[in-house]
Amino acid sequence: MRRKGYTVTYEMRKHQREVRRRIFSYGLCVVLAIFLAFFIIRFICFSYTIKGDAMEPTYKNGEHHLINQLTFKVKSPEQYDIILFKTEENSKKYYVKRIVGLPGDTLQIKSGYIYVNDKKTKSFSDEKIVSAGLAKNKIKLKDDEYFVVGDNYNNSEDSRSDTIGNVKRKNIIGKVSFKYWTNL
């Protein structure tokens, strides 16, 4: 003969165990999500706000983009990639520019256009380049150097300038990718 109270108590305890298991499961999911977010932000990508108009019309001042740090740990930067870099290893000043010259390339700016290995490159602006700067004469890039320019050719401090020059591979932070916020 079974007692009714025993079955009710058993069912209540079973239900309480199920509720505890669900709460633990949700809590674990939240902790894992926080850990994953931290891991992504720390090792894979981070946010950067575009400063200035050197990359217009491609990127505008104040836009927020994710910088992918993982891409260039797996493969080398390619021509026309847009990168975030610093001029010196210990510098706190960052720049966003487009790669036009790769290691080993010979580069020159003449008649308002960029030539890499004596071939005219793709243009990202309607304007011709007014000042060739350091690229007035042919430049041969070393094995760890990249030549970068802003898309707003005539309003950009880039590899044509003494202050930036050719960018060393170790100073490239990551590839500019997904835009997630823009100023209206």
C-alpha atoms as a PDB file:
ATOM      1  CA  MET A   1       0.000   0.000   0.000  1.00  0.00           C
ATOM      2  CA  ARG A   2       1.453   3.381  -1.086  1.00  0.00           C
ATOM      3  CA  ARG A   3       0.967   6.594   0.694  1.00  0.00           C
ATOM      4  CA  LYS A   4      -0.064   9.697  -1.261  1.00  0.00           C
ATOM      5  CA  GLY A   5       2.306  12.023   0.604  1.00  0.00           C
ATOM      6  CA  TYR A   6       5.353  10.046  -0.457  1.00  0.00           C
ATOM      7  CA  THR A   7       4.552  10.400  -4.188  1.00  0.00           C
ATOM      8  CA  VAL A   8       3.883  14.155  -3.909  1.00  0.00           C
ATOM      9  CA  THR A   9       7.133  14.729  -1.984  1.00  0.00           C
ATOM     10  CA  TYR A  10       9.072  12.673  -4.504  1.00  0.00           C
ATOM     11  CA  GLU A  11       7.571  14.626  -7.422  1.00  0.00           C
ATOM     12  CA  MET A  12       8.311  17.968  -5.690  1.00  0.00           C
ATOM     13  CA  ARG A  13      11.951  17.015  -5.131  1.00  0.00           C
ATOM     14  CA  LYS A  14      12.243  15.807  -8.711  1.00  0.00           C
ATOM     15  CA  HIS A  15      10.831  19.144  -9.933  1.00  0.00           C
ATOM     16  CA  GLN A  16      13.241  21.100  -7.671  1.00  0.00           C
ATOM     17  CA  ARG A  17      16.222  19.126  -9.035  1.00  0.00           C
ATOM     18  CA  GLU A  18      15.070  19.923 -12.574  1.00  0.00           C
ATOM     19  CA  VAL A  19      14.773  23.654 -11.749  1.00  0.00           C
ATOM     20  CA  ARG A  20      18.267  23.658 -10.156  1.00  0.00           C
ATOM     21  CA  ARG A  21      19.680  21.891 -13.204  1.00  0.00           C
ATOM     22  CA  ARG A  22      18.130  24.492 -15.536  1.00  0.00           C
ATOM     23  CA  ILE A  23      19.415  27.395 -13.422  1.00  0.00           C
ATOM     24  CA  PHE A  24      22.901  25.862 -13.377  1.00  0.00           C
ATOM     25  CA  SER A  25      22.727  25.297 -17.144  1.00  0.00           C
ATOM     26  CA  TYR A  26      21.689  28.926 -17.830  1.00  0.00           C
ATOM     27  CA  GLY A  27      24.343  30.225 -15.435  1.00  0.00           C
ATOM     28  CA  LEU A  28      26.995  28.144 -17.167  1.00  0.00           C
ATOM     29  CA  CYS A  29      25.867  29.517 -20.546  1.00  0.00           C
ATOM     30  CA  VAL A  30      26.169  33.101 -19.260  1.00  0.00           C
ATOM     31  CA  VAL A  31      29.654  32.460 -17.849  1.00  0.00           C
ATOM     32  CA  LEU A  32      30.755  30.830 -21.114  1.00  0.00           C
ATOM     33  CA  ALA A  33      29.336  33.733 -23.138  1.00  0.00           C
ATOM     34  CA  ILE A  34      31.260  36.249 -20.997  1.00  0.00           C
ATOM     35  CA  PHE A  35      34.446  34.188 -21.314  1.00  0.00           C
ATOM     36  CA  LEU A  36      33.978  33.880 -25.090  1.00  0.00           C
ATOM     37  CA  ALA A  37      33.372  37.639 -25.437  1.00  0.00           C
ATOM     38  CA  PHE A  38      36.524  38.368 -23.421  1.00  0.00           C
ATOM     39  CA  PHE A  39      38.537  35.905 -25.539  1.00  0.00           C
ATOM     40  CA  ILE A  40      37.259  37.413 -28.806  1.00  0.00           C
ATOM     41  CA  ILE A  41      37.958  40.989 -27.715  1.00  0.00           C
ATOM     42  CA  ARG A  42      41.384  40.158 -26.302  1.00  0.00           C
ATOM     43  CA  PHE A  43      42.769  37.856 -28.985  1.00  0.00           C
ATOM     44  CA  ILE A  44      40.670  38.073 -32.139  1.00  0.00           C
ATOM     45  CA  CYS A  45      39.239  41.554 -32.655  1.00  0.00           C
ATOM     46  CA  PHE A  46      38.635  44.890 -30.991  1.00  0.00           C
ATOM     47  CA  SER A  47      36.865  48.146 -31.707  1.00  0.00           C
ATOM     48  CA  TYR A  48      38.514  51.163 -33.317  1.00  0.00           C
ATOM     49  CA  THR A  49      37.057  54.565 -34.179  1.00  0.00           C
ATOM     50  CA  ILE A  50      38.203  56.089 -37.479  1.00  0.00           C
ATOM     51  CA  LYS A  51      39.897  59.442 -36.845  1.00  0.00           C
ATOM     52  CA  GLY A  52      40.182  62.021 -39.615  1.00  0.00           C
ATOM     53  CA  ASP A  53      39.244  61.979 -43.263  1.00  0.00           C
ATOM     54  CA  ALA A  54      42.341  60.311 -44.773  1.00  0.00           C
ATOM     55  CA  MET A  55      40.339  57.201 -45.762  1.00  0.00           C
ATOM     56  CA  GLU A  56      37.342  58.964 -47.287  1.00  0.00           C
ATOM     57  CA  PRO A  57      35.258  58.041 -49.223  1.00  0.00           C
ATOM     58  CA  THR A  58      35.756  54.438 -48.005  1.00  0.00           C
ATOM     59  CA  TYR A  59      35.641  55.216 -44.270  1.00  0.00           C
ATOM     60  CA  LYS A  60      34.405  58.387 -42.632  1.00  0.00           C
ATOM     61  CA  ASN A  61      35.536  60.174 -39.486  1.00  0.00           C
ATOM     62  CA  GLY A  62      33.870  58.757 -36.375  1.00  0.00           C
ATOM     63  CA  GLU A  63      32.868  55.378 -37.804  1.00  0.00           C
ATOM     64  CA  HIS A  64      33.399  52.421 -35.485  1.00  0.00           C
ATOM     65  CA  HIS A  65      34.980  49.288 -36.965  1.00  0.00           C
ATOM     66  CA  LEU A  66      36.141  45.936 -35.673  1.00  0.00           C
ATOM     67  CA  ILE A  67      39.841  45.267 -36.145  1.00  0.00           C
ATOM     68  CA  ASN A  68      40.574  41.603 -36.845  1.00  0.00           C
ATOM     69  CA  GLN A  69      43.885  40.712 -35.171  1.00  0.00           C
ATOM     70  CA  LEU A  70      43.719  37.027 -36.070  1.00  0.00           C
ATOM     71  CA  THR A  71      43.753  37.323 -39.881  1.00  0.00           C
ATOM     72  CA  PHE A  72      47.404  38.347 -40.167  1.00  0.00           C
ATOM     73  CA  LYS A  73      48.542  35.726 -37.675  1.00  0.00           C
ATOM     74  CA  VAL A  74      47.264  33.108 -40.135  1.00  0.00           C
ATOM     75  CA  LYS A  75      48.186  34.760 -43.455  1.00  0.00           C
ATOM     76  CA  SER A  76      50.169  37.725 -44.746  1.00  0.00           C
ATOM     77  CA  PRO A  77      48.545  41.052 -45.590  1.00  0.00           C
ATOM     78  CA  GLU A  78      47.567  41.388 -49.236  1.00  0.00           C
ATOM     79  CA  GLN A  79      47.497  44.285 -51.653  1.00  0.00           C
ATOM     80  CA  TYR A  80      44.486  46.570 -51.062  1.00  0.00           C
ATOM     81  CA  ASP A  81      43.843  45.273 -47.518  1.00  0.00           C
ATOM     82  CA  ILE A  82      42.938  48.097 -45.154  1.00  0.00           C
ATOM     83  CA  ILE A  83      44.980  47.841 -41.987  1.00  0.00           C
ATOM     84  CA  LEU A  84      45.436  49.394 -38.564  1.00  0.00           C
ATOM     85  CA  PHE A  85      49.097  49.977 -37.716  1.00  0.00           C
ATOM     86  CA  LYS A  86      51.456  52.026 -35.600  1.00  0.00           C
ATOM     87  CA  THR A  87      54.608  53.721 -36.845  1.00  0.00           C
ATOM     88  CA  GLU A  88      56.908  52.459 -34.103  1.00  0.00           C
ATOM     89  CA  GLU A  89      56.701  49.454 -31.812  1.00  0.00           C
ATOM     90  CA  ASN A  90      56.083  51.479 -28.647  1.00  0.00           C
ATOM     91  CA  SER A  91      53.943  54.167 -30.260  1.00  0.00           C
ATOM     92  CA  LYS A  92      50.414  54.838 -29.016  1.00  0.00           C
ATOM     93  CA  LYS A  93      49.408  56.569 -32.288  1.00  0.00           C
ATOM     94  CA  TYR A  94      47.503  54.377 -34.735  1.00  0.00           C
ATOM     95  CA  TYR A  95      46.730  54.830 -38.432  1.00  0.00           C
ATOM     96  CA  VAL A  96      44.233  53.239 -40.813  1.00  0.00           C
ATOM     97  CA  LYS A  97      45.495  52.964 -44.404  1.00  0.00           C
ATOM     98  CA  ARG A  98      45.297  50.757 -47.503  1.00  0.00           C
ATOM     99  CA  ILE A  99      48.219  48.522 -48.498  1.00  0.00           C
ATOM    100  CA  VAL A 100      49.345  49.131 -52.082  1.00  0.00           C
ATOM    101  CA  GLY A 101      52.918  47.817 -51.967  1.00  0.00           C
ATOM    102  CA  LEU A 102      53.960  44.399 -50.625  1.00  0.00           C
ATOM    103  CA  PRO A 103      57.390  43.160 -49.495  1.00  0.00           C
ATOM    104  CA  GLY A 104      59.784  42.980 -52.439  1.00  0.00           C
ATOM    105  CA  ASP A 105      57.709  45.306 -54.657  1.00  0.00           C
ATOM    106  CA  THR A 106      59.158  48.320 -56.431  1.00  0.00           C
ATOM    107  CA  LEU A 107      56.871  51.316 -56.157  1.00  0.00           C
ATOM    108  CA  GLN A 108      56.702  54.812 -57.620  1.00  0.00           C
ATOM    109  CA  ILE A 109      54.140  57.581 -57.915  1.00  0.00           C
ATOM    110  CA  LYS A 110      54.241  59.397 -61.248  1.00  0.00           C
ATOM    111  CA  SER A 111      51.754  61.536 -63.154  1.00  0.00           C
ATOM    112  CA  GLY A 112      49.370  61.325 -60.178  1.00  0.00           C
ATOM    113  CA  TYR A 113      49.112  57.523 -60.109  1.00  0.00           C
ATOM    114  CA  ILE A 114      50.713  54.718 -58.100  1.00  0.00           C
ATOM    115  CA  TYR A 115      52.772  52.162 -60.003  1.00  0.00           C
ATOM    116  CA  VAL A 116      53.777  48.865 -58.387  1.00  0.00           C
ATOM    117  CA  ASN A 117      56.332  46.825 -60.330  1.00  0.00           C
ATOM    118  CA  ASP A 118      55.766  49.245 -63.257  1.00  0.00           C
ATOM    119  CA  LYS A 119      52.007  48.495 -63.363  1.00  0.00           C
ATOM    120  CA  LYS A 120      49.391  51.114 -62.540  1.00  0.00           C
ATOM    121  CA  THR A 121      47.423  50.131 -59.422  1.00  0.00           C
ATOM    122  CA  LYS A 122      43.715  50.321 -58.801  1.00  0.00           C
ATOM    123  CA  SER A 123      42.614  53.796 -57.695  1.00  0.00           C
ATOM    124  CA  PHE A 124      40.282  54.374 -54.747  1.00  0.00           C
ATOM    125  CA  SER A 125      39.776  58.063 -55.375  1.00  0.00           C
ATOM    126  CA  ASP A 126      38.628  60.220 -58.271  1.00  0.00           C
ATOM    127  CA  GLU A 127      41.570  62.548 -57.645  1.00  0.00           C
ATOM    128  CA  LYS A 128      45.078  62.259 -58.978  1.00  0.00           C
ATOM    129  CA  ILE A 129      47.865  62.287 -56.403  1.00  0.00           C
ATOM    130  CA  VAL A 130      49.301  65.799 -56.165  1.00  0.00           C
ATOM    131  CA  SER A 131      52.326  65.050 -53.958  1.00  0.00           C
ATOM    132  CA  ALA A 132      54.341  61.893 -54.551  1.00  0.00           C
ATOM    133  CA  GLY A 133      56.474  62.558 -51.466  1.00  0.00           C
ATOM    134  CA  LEU A 134      59.039  59.803 -50.831  1.00  0.00           C
ATOM    135  CA  ALA A 135      57.618  57.814 -53.759  1.00  0.00           C
ATOM    136  CA  LYS A 136      58.669  60.435 -56.311  1.00  0.00           C
ATOM    137  CA  ASN A 137      61.631  58.152 -56.989  1.00  0.00           C
ATOM    138  CA  LYS A 138      61.349  54.368 -57.132  1.00  0.00           C
ATOM    139  CA  ILE A 139      61.189  52.631 -53.760  1.00  0.00           C
ATOM    140  CA  LYS A 140      62.157  48.982 -53.298  1.00  0.00           C
ATOM    141  CA  LEU A 141      60.352  47.486 -50.291  1.00  0.00           C
ATOM    142  CA  LYS A 142      62.307  45.206 -47.963  1.00  0.00           C
ATOM    143  CA  ASP A 143      61.110  41.733 -46.953  1.00  0.00           C
ATOM    144  CA  ASP A 144      59.131  43.041 -43.975  1.00  0.00           C
ATOM    145  CA  GLU A 145      57.854  46.354 -45.384  1.00  0.00           C
ATOM    146  CA  TYR A 146      54.540  47.529 -46.793  1.00  0.00           C
ATOM    147  CA  PHE A 147      53.673  50.767 -48.589  1.00  0.00           C
ATOM    148  CA  VAL A 148      50.351  52.223 -47.447  1.00  0.00           C
ATOM    149  CA  VAL A 149      48.209  55.166 -48.584  1.00  0.00           C
ATOM    150  CA  GLY A 150      44.960  56.747 -47.510  1.00  0.00           C
ATOM    151  CA  ASP A 151      42.101  56.653 -50.015  1.00  0.00           C
ATOM    152  CA  ASN A 152      41.847  60.436 -49.759  1.00  0.00           C
ATOM    153  CA  TYR A 153      45.233  60.728 -51.491  1.00  0.00           C
ATOM    154  CA  ASN A 154      45.676  64.475 -51.160  1.00  0.00           C
ATOM    155  CA  ASN A 155      44.673  64.651 -47.503  1.00  0.00           C
ATOM    156  CA  SER A 156      46.505  61.678 -46.027  1.00  0.00           C
ATOM    157  CA  GLU A 157      49.683  61.229 -44.040  1.00  0.00           C
ATOM    158  CA  ASP A 158      50.953  57.855 -45.228  1.00  0.00           C
ATOM    159  CA  SER A 159      54.018  56.021 -46.577  1.00  0.00           C
ATOM    160  CA  ARG A 160      54.793  58.996 -48.818  1.00  0.00           C
ATOM    161  CA  SER A 161      55.605  60.981 -45.678  1.00  0.00           C
ATOM    162  CA  ASP A 162      58.857  60.953 -43.646  1.00  0.00           C
ATOM    163  CA  THR A 163      56.868  60.626 -40.420  1.00  0.00           C
ATOM    164  CA  ILE A 164      55.331  57.288 -41.468  1.00  0.00           C
ATOM    165  CA  GLY A 165      57.380  55.828 -44.308  1.00  0.00           C
ATOM    166  CA  ASN A 166      57.194  52.128 -45.113  1.00  0.00           C
ATOM    167  CA  VAL A 167      55.296  50.119 -42.513  1.00  0.00           C
ATOM    168  CA  LYS A 168      57.080  47.161 -40.924  1.00  0.00           C
ATOM    169  CA  ARG A 169      55.145  43.891 -40.602  1.00  0.00           C
ATOM    170  CA  LYS A 170      55.596  43.813 -36.812  1.00  0.00           C
ATOM    171  CA  ASN A 171      53.785  47.190 -36.533  1.00  0.00           C
ATOM    172  CA  ILE A 172      50.604  45.986 -38.275  1.00  0.00           C
ATOM    173  CA  ILE A 173      47.914  45.450 -35.632  1.00  0.00           C
ATOM    174  CA  GLY A 174      45.171  43.942 -37.764  1.00  0.00           C
ATOM    175  CA  LYS A 175      42.780  44.158 -40.679  1.00  0.00           C
ATOM    176  CA  VAL A 176      39.965  46.702 -40.568  1.00  0.00           C
ATOM    177  CA  SER A 177      36.720  44.856 -41.066  1.00  0.00           C
ATOM    178  CA  PHE A 178      33.076  45.083 -40.072  1.00  0.00           C
ATOM    179  CA  LYS A 179      31.614  48.570 -39.501  1.00  0.00           C
ATOM    180  CA  TYR A 180      29.195  48.367 -36.592  1.00  0.00           C
ATOM    181  CA  TRP A 181      28.458  52.021 -35.853  1.00  0.00           C
ATOM    182  CA  THR A 182      28.459  55.247 -37.811  1.00  0.00           C
ATOM    183  CA  ASN A 183      27.947  58.851 -36.801  1.00  0.00           C
ATOM    184  CA  LEU A 184      25.055  60.496 -38.586  1.00  0.00           C
END
